[in-house]
Amino acid sequence: MGTVKAVCTSDVKGIQKTATASVNLKPDWGIEDDAHAGKWHRQVSLLGYEQIEAFKALGADVADGSFGENIIVEGFDLKSLPVGTRLRCGEALLELTQIGKQCHAHCAIYHKMGDCIMPREGVFCRVLEGGRVAPGDAVDLVASEG
């Protein structure tokens, strides 16, 4: 079992996200009022709390949402989960669709630190069941149907 440490949104793509008290996820869409929501496979991004803390230990001055992540999760090595994994995150049900991403234009964190963890540590999901997600909510693996 894991725990949601933070939820973050932005209304424009390509910028850092801002932590908020809670988010509402819509099925096959993503987070309401987030720039990355839409009918595609990367509706919600997740990043591990432990990986962020390790990056901070290297001297990175980053806050929740700095990597463009929507949900920060403690307790899972997210990148080790196979595509297709289902996660109950607060009230929502997510399905892992992509591990990592290609970074075409290096972000501000990369330019400052010479590295960014999101391309290799971040994972992306689509929303199967909507609902509210907030810091403190549980994150659990769910058996796939079929």
Protein backbone atom coordinates (compact mmCIF):
# COMPACT_ATOMS: atom_id res chain seq x y z
CA MET A 1 0.00 0.00 0.00
CA GLY A 2 1.11 3.53 -0.75
CA THR A 3 0.01 7.02 0.11
CA VAL A 4 -0.73 10.15 -1.93
CA LYS A 5 1.72 12.81 -0.74
CA ALA A 6 0.59 15.65 -3.04
CA VAL A 7 -1.70 16.42 -5.98
CA CYS A 8 -0.74 19.09 -8.52
CA THR A 9 -2.24 20.77 -11.59
CA SER A 10 -1.49 23.42 -14.19
CA ASP A 11 -3.71 25.03 -16.78
CA VAL A 12 -0.90 25.21 -19.37
CA LYS A 13 1.32 22.44 -20.73
CA GLY A 14 5.08 22.68 -20.36
CA ILE A 15 5.20 24.44 -16.99
CA GLN A 16 5.62 23.29 -13.43
CA LYS A 17 2.41 22.30 -11.67
CA THR A 18 1.07 23.75 -8.42
CA ALA A 19 0.08 21.68 -5.39
CA THR A 20 -3.59 21.82 -4.47
CA ALA A 21 -5.79 20.43 -1.67
CA SER A 22 -7.51 17.84 -3.89
CA VAL A 23 -8.24 17.00 -7.50
CA ASN A 24 -11.23 15.46 -9.24
CA LEU A 25 -10.53 12.82 -11.87
CA LYS A 26 -12.94 12.15 -14.74
CA PRO A 27 -13.10 8.76 -16.50
CA ASP A 28 -11.21 8.63 -19.80
CA TRP A 29 -10.22 12.29 -19.38
CA GLY A 30 -7.90 12.95 -16.43
CA ILE A 31 -7.85 15.68 -13.83
CA GLU A 32 -10.46 18.40 -14.20
CA ASP A 33 -8.87 21.72 -15.18
CA ASP A 34 -5.42 20.20 -15.82
CA ALA A 35 -3.71 20.97 -19.13
CA HIS A 36 -2.78 17.33 -19.76
CA ALA A 37 -6.32 15.98 -19.45
CA GLY A 38 -7.86 14.61 -22.63
CA LYS A 39 -8.73 11.45 -24.51
CA TRP A 40 -5.23 9.98 -24.71
CA HIS A 41 -3.00 7.56 -22.81
CA ARG A 42 -1.18 10.12 -20.61
CA GLN A 43 -4.13 11.59 -18.72
CA VAL A 44 -2.45 11.61 -15.29
CA SER A 45 1.24 11.55 -14.35
CA LEU A 46 2.62 10.00 -11.17
CA LEU A 47 6.04 10.33 -9.58
CA GLY A 48 7.48 8.58 -6.54
CA TYR A 49 8.00 10.59 -3.36
CA GLU A 50 11.16 8.62 -2.54
CA GLN A 51 12.72 9.49 -5.90
CA ILE A 52 11.93 13.18 -5.43
CA GLU A 53 13.49 13.14 -1.95
CA ALA A 54 16.64 11.41 -3.31
CA PHE A 55 16.90 14.08 -6.01
CA LYS A 56 16.53 16.80 -3.36
CA ALA A 57 19.39 15.18 -1.43
CA LEU A 58 21.60 15.88 -4.47
CA GLY A 59 20.93 19.60 -3.99
CA ALA A 60 17.86 20.11 -6.16
CA ASP A 61 15.56 22.87 -4.97
CA VAL A 62 12.23 21.42 -6.11
CA ALA A 63 8.69 21.63 -4.80
CA ASP A 64 5.64 19.44 -5.32
CA GLY A 65 4.74 19.70 -9.02
CA SER A 66 8.16 20.92 -10.17
CA PHE A 67 8.59 17.96 -12.52
CA GLY A 68 5.12 18.42 -14.01
CA GLU A 69 3.73 15.49 -12.04
CA ASN A 70 0.06 15.33 -11.08
CA ILE A 71 0.22 12.87 -8.19
CA ILE A 72 3.15 12.16 -5.86
CA VAL A 73 2.97 8.65 -4.40
CA GLU A 74 4.94 7.26 -1.46
CA GLY A 75 5.46 3.52 -1.09
CA PHE A 76 5.84 2.28 -4.68
CA ASP A 77 8.71 2.08 -7.15
CA LEU A 78 6.31 3.17 -9.87
CA LYS A 79 8.66 2.55 -12.79
CA SER A 80 8.95 -1.13 -11.81
CA LEU A 81 5.21 -1.72 -12.22
CA PRO A 82 4.22 -3.23 -15.57
CA VAL A 83 2.10 -1.37 -18.09
CA GLY A 84 -1.51 -2.39 -17.45
CA THR A 85 -1.15 -2.25 -13.65
CA ARG A 86 -4.25 -0.84 -12.01
CA LEU A 87 -4.03 1.46 -9.02
CA ARG A 88 -6.84 2.54 -6.70
CA CYS A 89 -5.81 6.10 -5.88
CA GLY A 90 -8.23 7.74 -3.48
CA GLU A 91 -11.66 7.30 -5.10
CA ALA A 92 -10.21 6.93 -8.63
CA LEU A 93 -9.06 3.84 -10.51
CA LEU A 94 -6.03 4.34 -12.77
CA GLU A 95 -4.38 2.08 -15.34
CA LEU A 96 -0.66 2.44 -16.01
CA THR A 97 -0.14 3.14 -19.73
CA GLN A 98 3.46 4.37 -20.02
CA ILE A 99 6.68 4.25 -18.02
CA GLY A 100 8.95 7.24 -18.45
CA LYS A 101 8.96 9.59 -21.40
CA GLN A 102 11.31 11.12 -23.90
CA CYS A 103 12.36 14.65 -23.00
CA HIS A 104 12.80 16.55 -26.26
CA ALA A 105 13.50 19.98 -24.77
CA HIS A 106 15.25 19.78 -21.42
CA CYS A 107 13.32 21.44 -18.60
CA ALA A 108 14.55 24.11 -16.19
CA ILE A 109 15.45 21.43 -13.63
CA TYR A 110 17.70 19.66 -16.16
CA HIS A 111 19.43 22.92 -17.08
CA LYS A 112 20.10 23.70 -13.42
CA MET A 113 20.99 20.19 -12.18
CA GLY A 114 22.18 18.42 -15.33
CA ASP A 115 19.49 15.81 -14.75
CA CYS A 116 15.73 15.38 -14.37
CA ILE A 117 14.04 12.32 -12.91
CA MET A 118 10.65 12.58 -14.62
CA PRO A 119 11.73 11.03 -17.96
CA ARG A 120 12.89 7.81 -16.26
CA GLU A 121 10.94 7.72 -12.96
CA GLY A 122 7.57 9.17 -13.96
CA VAL A 123 4.66 7.00 -15.07
CA PHE A 124 1.47 7.85 -16.89
CA CYS A 125 -2.05 6.53 -16.47
CA ARG A 126 -5.49 6.75 -17.94
CA VAL A 127 -8.52 7.15 -15.67
CA LEU A 128 -10.83 4.11 -15.60
CA GLU A 129 -13.05 5.36 -12.73
CA GLY A 130 -13.22 8.96 -11.63
CA GLY A 131 -13.34 10.49 -8.18
CA ARG A 132 -11.57 12.73 -5.71
CA VAL A 133 -7.90 12.29 -4.83
CA ALA A 134 -6.15 14.20 -2.04
CA PRO A 135 -2.96 14.01 0.03
CA GLY A 136 -3.24 11.25 2.62
CA ASP A 137 -5.37 9.00 0.41
CA ALA A 138 -4.35 5.36 0.06
CA VAL A 139 -2.87 3.96 -3.15
CA ASP A 140 -3.37 0.22 -3.68
CA LEU A 141 -2.65 -2.25 -6.47
CA VAL A 142 -5.85 -3.69 -7.95
CA ALA A 143 -6.11 -6.99 -9.80
CA SER A 144 -6.87 -6.53 -13.51
CA GLU A 145 -10.15 -7.85 -14.82
CA GLY A 146 -10.01 -10.87 -17.10
